[in-house]
PDB file of N, CA and C in Angstrom:
ATOM      1  N   UNK A   1     110.060 -76.856 -38.218  1.00  0.00           N
ATOM      2  CA  UNK A   1     111.406 -76.034 -37.477  1.00  0.00           C
ATOM      3  C   UNK A   1     112.242 -76.735 -37.276  1.00  0.00           C
ATOM      4  N   UNK A   2     113.743 -76.413 -37.677  1.00  0.00           N
ATOM      5  CA  UNK A   2     114.644 -77.562 -36.847  1.00  0.00           C
ATOM      6  C   UNK A   2     115.218 -77.217 -35.744  1.00  0.00           C
ATOM      7  N   UNK A   3     115.289 -78.219 -35.078  1.00  0.00           N
ATOM      8  CA  UNK A   3     115.498 -78.261 -33.773  1.00  0.00           C
ATOM      9  C   UNK A   3     117.006 -77.903 -33.712  1.00  0.00           C
ATOM     10  N   UNK A   4     117.948 -77.728 -34.722  1.00  0.00           N
ATOM     11  CA  UNK A   4     118.988 -77.601 -34.983  1.00  0.00           C
ATOM     12  C   UNK A   4     119.795 -76.606 -35.540  1.00  0.00           C
ATOM     13  N   UNK A   5     120.093 -75.541 -35.158  1.00  0.00           N
ATOM     14  CA  UNK A   5     120.590 -74.344 -36.225  1.00  0.00           C
ATOM     15  C   UNK A   5     122.119 -73.979 -35.577  1.00  0.00           C
ATOM     16  N   UNK A   6     122.464 -73.115 -36.111  1.00  0.00           N
ATOM     17  CA  UNK A   6     123.962 -72.074 -36.010  1.00  0.00           C
ATOM     18  C   UNK A   6     123.576 -70.776 -36.711  1.00  0.00           C
ATOM     19  N   UNK A   7     124.331 -69.972 -36.061  1.00  0.00           N
ATOM     20  CA  UNK A   7     124.459 -68.866 -37.030  1.00  0.00           C
ATOM     21  C   UNK A   7     125.978 -68.250 -36.924  1.00  0.00           C
ATOM     22  N   UNK A   8     126.396 -67.932 -37.904  1.00  0.00           N
ATOM     23  CA  UNK A   8     127.886 -67.613 -38.211  1.00  0.00           C
ATOM     24  C   UNK A   8     127.785 -65.853 -38.304  1.00  0.00           C
ATOM     25  N   UNK A   9     128.883 -65.085 -37.403  1.00  0.00           N
ATOM     26  CA  UNK A   9     129.277 -63.942 -37.348  1.00  0.00           C
ATOM     27  C   UNK A   9     130.626 -63.829 -37.218  1.00  0.00           C
ATOM     28  N   UNK A  10     131.477 -62.647 -37.780  1.00  0.00           N
ATOM     29  CA  UNK A  10     132.544 -62.862 -37.367  1.00  0.00           C
ATOM     30  C   UNK A  10     132.713 -61.380 -36.297  1.00  0.00           C
ATOM     31  N   UNK A  11     133.835 -61.230 -35.408  1.00  0.00           N
ATOM     32  CA  UNK A  11     133.874 -60.341 -34.206  1.00  0.00           C
ATOM     33  C   UNK A  11     135.560 -59.876 -34.543  1.00  0.00           C
ATOM     34  N   UNK A  12     135.446 -58.882 -35.584  1.00  0.00           N
ATOM     35  CA  UNK A  12     136.967 -58.840 -35.827  1.00  0.00           C
ATOM     36  C   UNK A  12     137.956 -59.970 -36.579  1.00  0.00           C
ATOM     37  N   UNK A  13     138.717 -60.686 -36.162  1.00  0.00           N
ATOM     38  CA  UNK A  13     139.499 -62.208 -37.055  1.00  0.00           C
ATOM     39  C   UNK A  13     138.475 -63.047 -36.363  1.00  0.00           C
ATOM     40  N   UNK A  14     137.838 -62.836 -35.746  1.00  0.00           N
ATOM     41  CA  UNK A  14     137.143 -64.245 -34.963  1.00  0.00           C
ATOM     42  C   UNK A  14     135.871 -64.440 -35.309  1.00  0.00           C
ATOM     43  N   UNK A  15     135.799 -66.015 -35.570  1.00  0.00           N
ATOM     44  CA  UNK A  15     134.500 -66.325 -36.161  1.00  0.00           C
ATOM     45  C   UNK A  15     133.747 -67.013 -34.893  1.00  0.00           C
ATOM     46  N   UNK A  16     132.371 -66.477 -35.102  1.00  0.00           N
ATOM     47  CA  UNK A  16     131.669 -67.068 -33.797  1.00  0.00           C
ATOM     48  C   UNK A  16     130.412 -67.752 -34.711  1.00  0.00           C
ATOM     49  N   UNK A  17     130.809 -68.911 -33.533  1.00  0.00           N
ATOM     50  CA  UNK A  17     129.468 -69.990 -34.339  1.00  0.00           C
ATOM     51  C   UNK A  17     128.317 -69.933 -33.268  1.00  0.00           C
ATOM     52  N   UNK A  18     127.310 -69.498 -33.253  1.00  0.00           N
ATOM     53  CA  UNK A  18     126.485 -69.487 -32.213  1.00  0.00           C
ATOM     54  C   UNK A  18     125.281 -70.815 -32.126  1.00  0.00           C
ATOM     55  N   UNK A  19     125.242 -71.598 -31.672  1.00  0.00           N
ATOM     56  CA  UNK A  19     124.337 -73.370 -31.471  1.00  0.00           C
ATOM     57  C   UNK A  19     123.336 -73.055 -30.912  1.00  0.00           C
ATOM     58  N   UNK A  20     122.549 -73.630 -31.746  1.00  0.00           N
ATOM     59  CA  UNK A  20     121.420 -73.786 -30.831  1.00  0.00           C
ATOM     60  C   UNK A  20     120.710 -75.194 -31.004  1.00  0.00           C
ATOM     61  N   UNK A  21     120.759 -76.051 -30.268  1.00  0.00           N
ATOM     62  CA  UNK A  21     120.474 -77.639 -30.642  1.00  0.00           C
ATOM     63  C   UNK A  21     119.319 -77.811 -29.099  1.00  0.00           C
ATOM     64  N   UNK A  22     118.211 -78.498 -29.759  1.00  0.00           N
ATOM     65  CA  UNK A  22     117.167 -78.658 -28.515  1.00  0.00           C
ATOM     66  C   UNK A  22     117.850 -80.403 -28.238  1.00  0.00           C
ATOM     67  N   UNK A  23     117.022 -80.638 -27.098  1.00  0.00           N
ATOM     68  CA  UNK A  23     117.541 -81.834 -26.476  1.00  0.00           C
ATOM     69  C   UNK A  23     116.799 -83.056 -27.285  1.00  0.00           C
ATOM     70  N   UNK A  24     115.918 -82.726 -28.253  1.00  0.00           N
ATOM     71  CA  UNK A  24     115.043 -83.879 -29.137  1.00  0.00           C
ATOM     72  C   UNK A  24     115.829 -83.886 -30.659  1.00  0.00           C
ATOM     73  N   UNK A  25     117.086 -84.736 -30.226  1.00  0.00           N
ATOM     74  CA  UNK A  25     117.345 -84.265 -32.106  1.00  0.00           C
ATOM     75  C   UNK A  25     117.089 -85.923 -33.118  1.00  0.00           C
ATOM     76  N   UNK A  26     116.736 -85.825 -34.404  1.00  0.00           N
ATOM     77  CA  UNK A  26     117.087 -86.970 -35.087  1.00  0.00           C
ATOM     78  C   UNK A  26     118.704 -87.050 -35.516  1.00  0.00           C
ATOM     79  N   UNK A  27     119.128 -88.547 -35.887  1.00  0.00           N
ATOM     80  CA  UNK A  27     120.248 -88.596 -35.871  1.00  0.00           C
ATOM     81  C   UNK A  27     120.410 -87.927 -37.228  1.00  0.00           C
ATOM     82  N   UNK A  28     119.858 -88.463 -38.673  1.00  0.00           N
ATOM     83  CA  UNK A  28     120.073 -87.853 -40.070  1.00  0.00           C
ATOM     84  C   UNK A  28     120.160 -86.755 -40.068  1.00  0.00           C
ATOM     85  N   UNK A  29     118.968 -85.913 -39.080  1.00  0.00           N
ATOM     86  CA  UNK A  29     119.468 -84.228 -39.152  1.00  0.00           C
ATOM     87  C   UNK A  29     120.444 -83.381 -38.720  1.00  0.00           C
ATOM     88  N   UNK A  30     121.027 -84.326 -37.218  1.00  0.00           N
ATOM     89  CA  UNK A  30     122.596 -84.111 -36.745  1.00  0.00           C
ATOM     90  C   UNK A  30     123.299 -84.292 -37.880  1.00  0.00           C
ATOM     91  N   UNK A  31     123.478 -85.549 -38.583  1.00  0.00           N
ATOM     92  CA  UNK A  31     124.438 -85.151 -39.868  1.00  0.00           C
ATOM     93  C   UNK A  31     124.640 -84.225 -40.227  1.00  0.00           C
ATOM     94  N   UNK A  32     123.341 -83.883 -40.915  1.00  0.00           N
ATOM     95  CA  UNK A  32     123.737 -82.891 -42.209  1.00  0.00           C
ATOM     96  C   UNK A  32     124.048 -81.838 -41.408  1.00  0.00           C
ATOM     97  N   UNK A  33     123.322 -81.130 -39.814  1.00  0.00           N
ATOM     98  CA  UNK A  33     123.859 -80.155 -39.291  1.00  0.00           C
ATOM     99  C   UNK A  33     125.384 -80.130 -38.954  1.00  0.00           C
ATOM    100  N   UNK A  34     126.035 -81.113 -38.693  1.00  0.00           N
ATOM    101  CA  UNK A  34     127.335 -81.209 -38.562  1.00  0.00           C
ATOM    102  C   UNK A  34     128.285 -80.799 -39.795  1.00  0.00           C
ATOM    103  N   UNK A  35     127.349 -81.487 -40.984  1.00  0.00           N
ATOM    104  CA  UNK A  35     128.249 -81.022 -42.103  1.00  0.00           C
ATOM    105  C   UNK A  35     128.284 -79.682 -42.592  1.00  0.00           C
ATOM    106  N   UNK A  36     127.032 -79.131 -42.587  1.00  0.00           N
ATOM    107  CA  UNK A  36     126.870 -77.513 -42.566  1.00  0.00           C
ATOM    108  C   UNK A  36     127.874 -76.916 -41.670  1.00  0.00           C
ATOM    109  N   UNK A  37     127.723 -77.341 -40.395  1.00  0.00           N
ATOM    110  CA  UNK A  37     128.546 -76.551 -39.430  1.00  0.00           C
ATOM    111  C   UNK A  37     129.877 -76.458 -39.670  1.00  0.00           C
ATOM    112  N   UNK A  38     130.868 -77.718 -40.072  1.00  0.00           N
ATOM    113  CA  UNK A  38     132.005 -78.063 -40.788  1.00  0.00           C
ATOM    114  C   UNK A  38     132.569 -76.998 -41.738  1.00  0.00           C
ATOM    115  N   UNK A  39     131.350 -77.226 -42.982  1.00  0.00           N
ATOM    116  CA  UNK A  39     131.335 -76.515 -43.662  1.00  0.00           C
ATOM    117  C   UNK A  39     131.711 -74.821 -43.922  1.00  0.00           C
ATOM    118  N   UNK A  40     131.012 -74.619 -42.710  1.00  0.00           N
ATOM    119  CA  UNK A  40     130.986 -73.176 -42.240  1.00  0.00           C
ATOM    120  C   UNK A  40     132.825 -72.978 -41.619  1.00  0.00           C
ATOM    121  N   UNK A  41     133.338 -73.585 -40.881  1.00  0.00           N
ATOM    122  CA  UNK A  41     134.486 -73.700 -40.521  1.00  0.00           C
ATOM    123  C   UNK A  41     135.619 -73.665 -41.619  1.00  0.00           C
ATOM    124  N   UNK A  42     135.132 -74.492 -42.706  1.00  0.00           N
ATOM    125  CA  UNK A  42     136.085 -74.926 -43.894  1.00  0.00           C
ATOM    126  C   UNK A  42     136.198 -73.470 -44.695  1.00  0.00           C
ATOM    127  N   UNK A  43     134.888 -72.510 -44.872  1.00  0.00           N
ATOM    128  CA  UNK A  43     135.259 -71.561 -45.383  1.00  0.00           C
ATOM    129  C   UNK A  43     136.433 -70.071 -44.667  1.00  0.00           C
ATOM    130  N   UNK A  44     136.908 -70.470 -43.868  1.00  0.00           N
ATOM    131  CA  UNK A  44     137.762 -69.757 -43.076  1.00  0.00           C
ATOM    132  C   UNK A  44     139.195 -70.018 -43.316  1.00  0.00           C
ATOM    133  N   UNK A  45     140.444 -69.153 -43.566  1.00  0.00           N
ATOM    134  CA  UNK A  45     141.370 -69.579 -43.129  1.00  0.00           C
ATOM    135  C   UNK A  45     141.899 -69.197 -41.992  1.00  0.00           C
ATOM    136  N   UNK A  46     143.047 -70.624 -41.207  1.00  0.00           N
ATOM    137  CA  UNK A  46     143.197 -70.519 -39.574  1.00  0.00           C
ATOM    138  C   UNK A  46     142.510 -70.044 -39.110  1.00  0.00           C
ATOM    139  N   UNK A  47     141.479 -70.580 -39.065  1.00  0.00           N
ATOM    140  CA  UNK A  47     140.189 -69.731 -38.143  1.00  0.00           C
ATOM    141  C   UNK A  47     140.154 -69.203 -36.705  1.00  0.00           C
ATOM    142  N   UNK A  48     140.157 -68.601 -36.325  1.00  0.00           N
ATOM    143  CA  UNK A  48     139.835 -68.619 -34.871  1.00  0.00           C
ATOM    144  C   UNK A  48     138.187 -68.406 -34.482  1.00  0.00           C
ATOM    145  N   UNK A  49     138.101 -69.416 -33.740  1.00  0.00           N
ATOM    146  CA  UNK A  49     136.695 -69.734 -33.312  1.00  0.00           C
ATOM    147  C   UNK A  49     136.171 -69.808 -32.231  1.00  0.00           C
ATOM    148  N   UNK A  50     135.274 -68.916 -31.710  1.00  0.00           N
ATOM    149  CA  UNK A  50     134.182 -69.187 -30.603  1.00  0.00           C
ATOM    150  C   UNK A  50     133.270 -70.103 -30.488  1.00  0.00           C
ATOM    151  N   UNK A  51     133.046 -70.819 -30.092  1.00  0.00           N
ATOM    152  CA  UNK A  51     131.974 -71.643 -30.402  1.00  0.00           C
ATOM    153  C   UNK A  51     130.765 -71.264 -29.042  1.00  0.00           C
ATOM    154  N   UNK A  52     129.871 -70.624 -29.160  1.00  0.00           N
ATOM    155  CA  UNK A  52     129.278 -70.224 -28.191  1.00  0.00           C
ATOM    156  C   UNK A  52     127.601 -71.050 -28.112  1.00  0.00           C
ATOM    157  N   UNK A  53     128.003 -71.974 -27.024  1.00  0.00           N
ATOM    158  CA  UNK A  53     127.116 -72.741 -26.724  1.00  0.00           C
ATOM    159  C   UNK A  53     126.135 -72.467 -25.789  1.00  0.00           C
ATOM    160  N   UNK A  54     125.428 -71.135 -25.257  1.00  0.00           N
ATOM    161  CA  UNK A  54     124.392 -70.606 -24.533  1.00  0.00           C
ATOM    162  C   UNK A  54     123.074 -71.082 -25.272  1.00  0.00           C
ATOM    163  N   UNK A  55     122.851 -71.505 -26.020  1.00  0.00           N
ATOM    164  CA  UNK A  55     121.539 -71.931 -26.756  1.00  0.00           C
ATOM    165  C   UNK A  55     121.474 -73.349 -26.813  1.00  0.00           C
ATOM    166  N   UNK A  56     122.835 -74.154 -26.584  1.00  0.00           N
ATOM    167  CA  UNK A  56     122.340 -75.609 -26.368  1.00  0.00           C
ATOM    168  C   UNK A  56     121.817 -76.200 -25.113  1.00  0.00           C
ATOM    169  N   UNK A  57     120.925 -77.356 -25.686  1.00  0.00           N
ATOM    170  CA  UNK A  57     119.862 -77.725 -24.941  1.00  0.00           C
ATOM    171  C   UNK A  57     120.296 -79.410 -24.933  1.00  0.00           C
ATOM    172  N   UNK A  58     121.108 -79.945 -25.586  1.00  0.00           N
ATOM    173  CA  UNK A  58     121.435 -81.588 -25.711  1.00  0.00           C
ATOM    174  C   UNK A  58     122.662 -81.733 -25.408  1.00  0.00           C
ATOM    175  N   UNK A  59     122.760 -82.733 -24.549  1.00  0.00           N
ATOM    176  CA  UNK A  59     124.116 -83.443 -23.999  1.00  0.00           C
ATOM    177  C   UNK A  59     124.154 -84.845 -24.102  1.00  0.00           C
ATOM    178  N   UNK A  60     123.932 -85.347 -25.195  1.00  0.00           N
ATOM    179  CA  UNK A  60     124.275 -86.396 -25.444  1.00  0.00           C
ATOM    180  C   UNK A  60     125.587 -86.879 -25.994  1.00  0.00           C
ATOM    181  N   UNK A  61     126.128 -88.044 -26.072  1.00  0.00           N
ATOM    182  CA  UNK A  61     127.393 -88.459 -26.707  1.00  0.00           C
ATOM    183  C   UNK A  61     127.212 -87.537 -28.079  1.00  0.00           C
ATOM    184  N   UNK A  62     126.425 -87.669 -28.925  1.00  0.00           N
ATOM    185  CA  UNK A  62     126.569 -87.097 -30.110  1.00  0.00           C
ATOM    186  C   UNK A  62     126.797 -85.338 -29.814  1.00  0.00           C
ATOM    187  N   UNK A  63     126.442 -84.948 -28.979  1.00  0.00           N
ATOM    188  CA  UNK A  63     127.226 -83.405 -29.236  1.00  0.00           C
ATOM    189  C   UNK A  63     128.588 -83.242 -28.538  1.00  0.00           C
ATOM    190  N   UNK A  64     128.920 -84.381 -27.338  1.00  0.00           N
ATOM    191  CA  UNK A  64     130.533 -84.603 -27.294  1.00  0.00           C
ATOM    192  C   UNK A  64     131.412 -84.821 -28.457  1.00  0.00           C
ATOM    193  N   UNK A  65     130.671 -85.775 -29.378  1.00  0.00           N
ATOM    194  CA  UNK A  65     131.339 -85.867 -30.514  1.00  0.00           C
ATOM    195  C   UNK A  65     131.286 -84.615 -31.555  1.00  0.00           C
ATOM    196  N   UNK A  66     130.470 -84.188 -31.699  1.00  0.00           N
ATOM    197  CA  UNK A  66     130.262 -82.598 -32.458  1.00  0.00           C
ATOM    198  C   UNK A  66     131.485 -81.695 -31.776  1.00  0.00           C
ATOM    199  N   UNK A  67     131.457 -81.540 -30.522  1.00  0.00           N
ATOM    200  CA  UNK A  67     132.557 -80.928 -30.374  1.00  0.00           C
ATOM    201  C   UNK A  67     133.819 -81.091 -30.827  1.00  0.00           C
ATOM    202  N   UNK A  68     134.322 -82.811 -30.661  1.00  0.00           N
ATOM    203  CA  UNK A  68     135.490 -83.226 -30.894  1.00  0.00           C
ATOM    204  C   UNK A  68     135.618 -83.039 -32.471  1.00  0.00           C
ATOM    205  N   UNK A  69     134.844 -83.079 -33.458  1.00  0.00           N
ATOM    206  CA  UNK A  69     134.866 -82.734 -34.770  1.00  0.00           C
ATOM    207  C   UNK A  69     135.232 -81.196 -35.198  1.00  0.00           C
ATOM    208  N   UNK A  70     134.474 -80.164 -34.235  1.00  0.00           N
ATOM    209  CA  UNK A  70     134.640 -79.210 -34.595  1.00  0.00           C
ATOM    210  C   UNK A  70     135.976 -78.521 -34.436  1.00  0.00           C
ATOM    211  N   UNK A  71     136.764 -79.288 -32.983  1.00  0.00           N
ATOM    212  CA  UNK A  71     137.814 -78.910 -32.693  1.00  0.00           C
ATOM    213  C   UNK A  71     139.151 -79.949 -33.930  1.00  0.00           C
ATOM    214  N   UNK A  72     138.865 -80.718 -34.083  1.00  0.00           N
ATOM    215  CA  UNK A  72     139.837 -81.564 -35.044  1.00  0.00           C
ATOM    216  C   UNK A  72     139.777 -80.844 -36.241  1.00  0.00           C
ATOM    217  N   UNK A  73     138.831 -80.347 -36.662  1.00  0.00           N
ATOM    218  CA  UNK A  73     138.636 -79.615 -38.038  1.00  0.00           C
ATOM    219  C   UNK A  73     139.145 -78.160 -37.774  1.00  0.00           C
ATOM    220  N   UNK A  74     139.015 -77.365 -36.900  1.00  0.00           N
ATOM    221  CA  UNK A  74     139.792 -76.014 -36.691  1.00  0.00           C
ATOM    222  C   UNK A  74     141.336 -76.472 -36.737  1.00  0.00           C
ATOM    223  N   UNK A  75     141.983 -77.270 -35.708  1.00  0.00           N
ATOM    224  CA  UNK A  75     143.326 -77.260 -35.718  1.00  0.00           C
ATOM    225  C   UNK A  75     143.956 -78.091 -36.900  1.00  0.00           C
ATOM    226  N   UNK A  76     143.131 -78.543 -38.057  1.00  0.00           N
ATOM    227  CA  UNK A  76     143.570 -79.070 -39.241  1.00  0.00           C
ATOM    228  C   UNK A  76     143.533 -78.298 -40.094  1.00  0.00           C
ATOM    229  N   UNK A  77     142.651 -77.166 -40.023  1.00  0.00           N
ATOM    230  CA  UNK A  77     143.034 -75.897 -40.740  1.00  0.00           C
ATOM    231  C   UNK A  77     144.240 -74.759 -40.140  1.00  0.00           C
ATOM    232  N   UNK A  78     144.617 -75.107 -38.736  1.00  0.00           N
ATOM    233  CA  UNK A  78     145.986 -74.292 -38.575  1.00  0.00           C
ATOM    234  C   UNK A  78     145.324 -73.171 -37.287  1.00  0.00           C
ATOM    235  N   UNK A  79     143.861 -73.594 -37.203  1.00  0.00           N
ATOM    236  CA  UNK A  79     142.918 -72.146 -36.132  1.00  0.00           C
ATOM    237  C   UNK A  79     142.949 -72.998 -34.666  1.00  0.00           C
ATOM    238  N   UNK A  80     142.678 -72.036 -33.755  1.00  0.00           N
ATOM    239  CA  UNK A  80     142.225 -71.954 -32.629  1.00  0.00           C
ATOM    240  C   UNK A  80     140.916 -72.110 -32.276  1.00  0.00           C
ATOM    241  N   UNK A  81     140.157 -72.838 -31.288  1.00  0.00           N
ATOM    242  CA  UNK A  81     139.129 -72.743 -30.856  1.00  0.00           C
ATOM    243  C   UNK A  81     138.484 -72.316 -29.164  1.00  0.00           C
ATOM    244  N   UNK A  82     138.069 -71.654 -29.096  1.00  0.00           N
ATOM    245  CA  UNK A  82     137.242 -71.645 -27.238  1.00  0.00           C
ATOM    246  C   UNK A  82     135.775 -71.825 -27.454  1.00  0.00           C
ATOM    247  N   UNK A  83     135.561 -72.530 -26.426  1.00  0.00           N
ATOM    248  CA  UNK A  83     134.034 -72.794 -25.978  1.00  0.00           C
ATOM    249  C   UNK A  83     133.373 -71.671 -25.056  1.00  0.00           C
ATOM    250  N   UNK A  84     132.549 -70.907 -25.601  1.00  0.00           N
ATOM    251  CA  UNK A  84     132.007 -69.814 -24.669  1.00  0.00           C
ATOM    252  C   UNK A  84     130.540 -70.263 -24.096  1.00  0.00           C
ATOM    253  N   UNK A  85     129.961 -69.972 -22.881  1.00  0.00           N
ATOM    254  CA  UNK A  85     128.891 -69.987 -22.267  1.00  0.00           C
ATOM    255  C   UNK A  85     128.574 -71.374 -22.570  1.00  0.00           C
ATOM    256  N   UNK A  86     129.116 -72.759 -22.338  1.00  0.00           N
ATOM    257  CA  UNK A  86     128.440 -73.673 -22.067  1.00  0.00           C
ATOM    258  C   UNK A  86     127.949 -74.106 -20.592  1.00  0.00           C
ATOM    259  N   UNK A  87     126.424 -74.556 -21.205  1.00  0.00           N
ATOM    260  CA  UNK A  87     125.475 -74.809 -20.093  1.00  0.00           C
ATOM    261  C   UNK A  87     126.409 -75.617 -18.906  1.00  0.00           C
ATOM    262  N   UNK A  88     125.492 -75.436 -17.447  1.00  0.00           N
ATOM    263  CA  UNK A  88     126.582 -76.323 -16.783  1.00  0.00           C
ATOM    264  C   UNK A  88     126.740 -77.925 -17.004  1.00  0.00           C
ATOM    265  N   UNK A  89     125.570 -78.442 -17.228  1.00  0.00           N
ATOM    266  CA  UNK A  89     125.097 -80.016 -17.470  1.00  0.00           C
ATOM    267  C   UNK A  89     126.459 -80.468 -18.630  1.00  0.00           C
ATOM    268  N   UNK A  90     126.379 -79.192 -19.481  1.00  0.00           N
ATOM    269  CA  UNK A  90     127.553 -79.793 -20.437  1.00  0.00           C
ATOM    270  C   UNK A  90     128.794 -79.753 -19.784  1.00  0.00           C
ATOM    271  N   UNK A  91     129.028 -78.953 -19.128  1.00  0.00           N
ATOM    272  CA  UNK A  91     130.500 -78.739 -18.949  1.00  0.00           C
ATOM    273  C   UNK A  91     130.654 -79.643 -17.712  1.00  0.00           C
ATOM    274  N   UNK A  92     129.933 -80.192 -17.058  1.00  0.00           N
ATOM    275  CA  UNK A  92     129.596 -81.456 -16.318  1.00  0.00           C
ATOM    276  C   UNK A  92     130.030 -82.341 -16.546  1.00  0.00           C
ATOM    277  N   UNK A  93     129.307 -82.859 -17.758  1.00  0.00           N
ATOM    278  CA  UNK A  93     129.834 -83.884 -18.610  1.00  0.00           C
ATOM    279  C   UNK A  93     131.091 -84.256 -19.263  1.00  0.00           C
ATOM    280  N   UNK A  94     131.507 -83.103 -19.868  1.00  0.00           N
ATOM    281  CA  UNK A  94     132.764 -82.747 -19.989  1.00  0.00           C
ATOM    282  C   UNK A  94     133.892 -83.537 -19.332  1.00  0.00           C
ATOM    283  N   UNK A  95     133.763 -82.555 -18.046  1.00  0.00           N
ATOM    284  CA  UNK A  95     134.940 -82.740 -17.109  1.00  0.00           C
ATOM    285  C   UNK A  95     134.477 -84.444 -16.429  1.00  0.00           C
ATOM    286  N   UNK A  96     132.993 -84.981 -16.513  1.00  0.00           N
ATOM    287  CA  UNK A  96     133.499 -86.311 -16.070  1.00  0.00           C
ATOM    288  C   UNK A  96     134.361 -87.461 -17.112  1.00  0.00           C
ATOM    289  N   UNK A  97     133.674 -87.123 -18.181  1.00  0.00           N
ATOM    290  CA  UNK A  97     134.816 -88.076 -19.219  1.00  0.00           C
ATOM    291  C   UNK A  97     136.248 -87.448 -19.469  1.00  0.00           C
ATOM    292  N   UNK A  98     136.624 -86.331 -18.613  1.00  0.00           N
ATOM    293  CA  UNK A  98     137.981 -86.243 -19.008  1.00  0.00           C
ATOM    294  C   UNK A  98     138.235 -85.345 -20.281  1.00  0.00           C
ATOM    295  N   UNK A  99     137.522 -85.112 -21.028  1.00  0.00           N
ATOM    296  CA  UNK A  99     137.823 -84.173 -21.941  1.00  0.00           C
ATOM    297  C   UNK A  99     137.924 -82.855 -21.931  1.00  0.00           C
ATOM    298  N   UNK A 100     138.200 -82.839 -20.788  1.00  0.00           N
ATOM    299  CA  UNK A 100     138.274 -81.044 -20.418  1.00  0.00           C
ATOM    300  C   UNK A 100     139.351 -80.574 -21.193  1.00  0.00           C
ATOM    301  N   UNK A 101     140.537 -81.614 -21.289  1.00  0.00           N
ATOM    302  CA  UNK A 101     141.722 -81.273 -21.716  1.00  0.00           C
ATOM    303  C   UNK A 101     142.129 -80.935 -22.807  1.00  0.00           C
ATOM    304  N   UNK A 102     141.043 -81.260 -24.284  1.00  0.00           N
ATOM    305  CA  UNK A 102     140.958 -81.085 -24.864  1.00  0.00           C
ATOM    306  C   UNK A 102     140.559 -79.512 -25.475  1.00  0.00           C
ATOM    307  N   UNK A 103     139.731 -78.675 -24.720  1.00  0.00           N
ATOM    308  CA  UNK A 103     139.195 -77.638 -24.730  1.00  0.00           C
ATOM    309  C   UNK A 103     139.674 -76.431 -23.882  1.00  0.00           C
ATOM    310  N   UNK A 104     139.479 -74.934 -24.521  1.00  0.00           N
ATOM    311  CA  UNK A 104     139.590 -74.221 -23.938  1.00  0.00           C
ATOM    312  C   UNK A 104     138.313 -73.415 -23.849  1.00  0.00           C
ATOM    313  N   UNK A 105     138.086 -72.753 -22.508  1.00  0.00           N
ATOM    314  CA  UNK A 105     136.683 -72.608 -22.326  1.00  0.00           C
ATOM    315  C   UNK A 105     136.570 -71.316 -21.443  1.00  0.00           C
ATOM    316  N   UNK A 106     135.563 -70.518 -21.825  1.00  0.00           N
ATOM    317  CA  UNK A 106     135.169 -68.899 -21.580  1.00  0.00           C
ATOM    318  C   UNK A 106     133.852 -69.101 -20.901  1.00  0.00           C
ATOM    319  N   UNK A 107     133.602 -68.084 -19.785  1.00  0.00           N
ATOM    320  CA  UNK A 107     132.380 -67.794 -19.611  1.00  0.00           C
ATOM    321  C   UNK A 107     131.733 -67.197 -20.633  1.00  0.00           C
ATOM    322  N   UNK A 108     131.606 -66.284 -21.496  1.00  0.00           N
ATOM    323  CA  UNK A 108     131.146 -65.725 -22.335  1.00  0.00           C
ATOM    324  C   UNK A 108     132.144 -65.516 -23.663  1.00  0.00           C
ATOM    325  N   UNK A 109     131.415 -64.813 -24.561  1.00  0.00           N
ATOM    326  CA  UNK A 109     131.896 -64.719 -25.938  1.00  0.00           C
ATOM    327  C   UNK A 109     132.822 -63.785 -25.972  1.00  0.00           C
ATOM    328  N   UNK A 110     132.952 -62.573 -25.019  1.00  0.00           N
ATOM    329  CA  UNK A 110     133.976 -61.669 -24.836  1.00  0.00           C
ATOM    330  C   UNK A 110     135.377 -62.307 -24.375  1.00  0.00           C
ATOM    331  N   UNK A 111     135.151 -63.038 -23.350  1.00  0.00           N
ATOM    332  CA  UNK A 111     136.235 -63.868 -22.788  1.00  0.00           C
ATOM    333  C   UNK A 111     136.859 -64.452 -23.517  1.00  0.00           C
ATOM    334  N   UNK A 112     136.046 -65.683 -24.556  1.00  0.00           N
ATOM    335  CA  UNK A 112     136.574 -66.055 -25.627  1.00  0.00           C
ATOM    336  C   UNK A 112     137.730 -65.613 -26.817  1.00  0.00           C
ATOM    337  N   UNK A 113     136.869 -64.493 -26.890  1.00  0.00           N
ATOM    338  CA  UNK A 113     137.714 -63.481 -28.289  1.00  0.00           C
ATOM    339  C   UNK A 113     138.593 -62.874 -27.264  1.00  0.00           C
ATOM    340  N   UNK A 114     138.660 -62.449 -26.142  1.00  0.00           N
ATOM    341  CA  UNK A 114     139.919 -61.892 -25.861  1.00  0.00           C
ATOM    342  C   UNK A 114     141.189 -63.267 -25.518  1.00  0.00           C
ATOM    343  N   UNK A 115     141.231 -64.303 -25.340  1.00  0.00           N
ATOM    344  CA  UNK A 115     141.448 -65.512 -25.085  1.00  0.00           C
ATOM    345  C   UNK A 115     141.905 -65.810 -26.520  1.00  0.00           C
ATOM    346  N   UNK A 116     141.389 -66.131 -27.257  1.00  0.00           N
ATOM    347  CA  UNK A 116     141.625 -66.371 -28.750  1.00  0.00           C
ATOM    348  C   UNK A 116     143.246 -65.250 -29.733  1.00  0.00           C
ATOM    349  N   UNK A 117     142.565 -63.623 -29.457  1.00  0.00           N
ATOM    350  CA  UNK A 117     143.101 -62.554 -29.781  1.00  0.00           C
ATOM    351  C   UNK A 117     144.740 -62.635 -29.263  1.00  0.00           C
ATOM    352  N   UNK A 118     144.649 -63.048 -27.931  1.00  0.00           N
ATOM    353  CA  UNK A 118     145.870 -62.924 -27.372  1.00  0.00           C
ATOM    354  C   UNK A 118     146.649 -64.153 -27.689  1.00  0.00           C
ATOM    355  N   UNK A 119     146.446 -65.022 -28.101  1.00  0.00           N
ATOM    356  CA  UNK A 119     147.467 -66.277 -28.555  1.00  0.00           C
ATOM    357  C   UNK A 119     148.032 -65.737 -29.806  1.00  0.00           C
TER     358      UNK A 119
END
């Protein structure tokens, strides 16, 4: 059983990526996970993406790198990204590293979708 997974669904014009990442991950498996996730984003033209982190329990630097990679890919495609339901520990890490200026956050998926559709 994989310790990392995601599901993709559409909510109107919005692509929702719901990540599930455990605390204990292998770096090789993480690289494959990143490739699959970015490939899903690539399948959408100018995507509006909600990154749902409600089931994420992994907070090391690799996770921060993943968030930056997703942001870059979405922007390169002319899209927009909102992070939803980020766990407090992850938000604290993002604030500590001053990465909060790179992202838009929402407390839940519905709020994130409203933010994307209003832009």
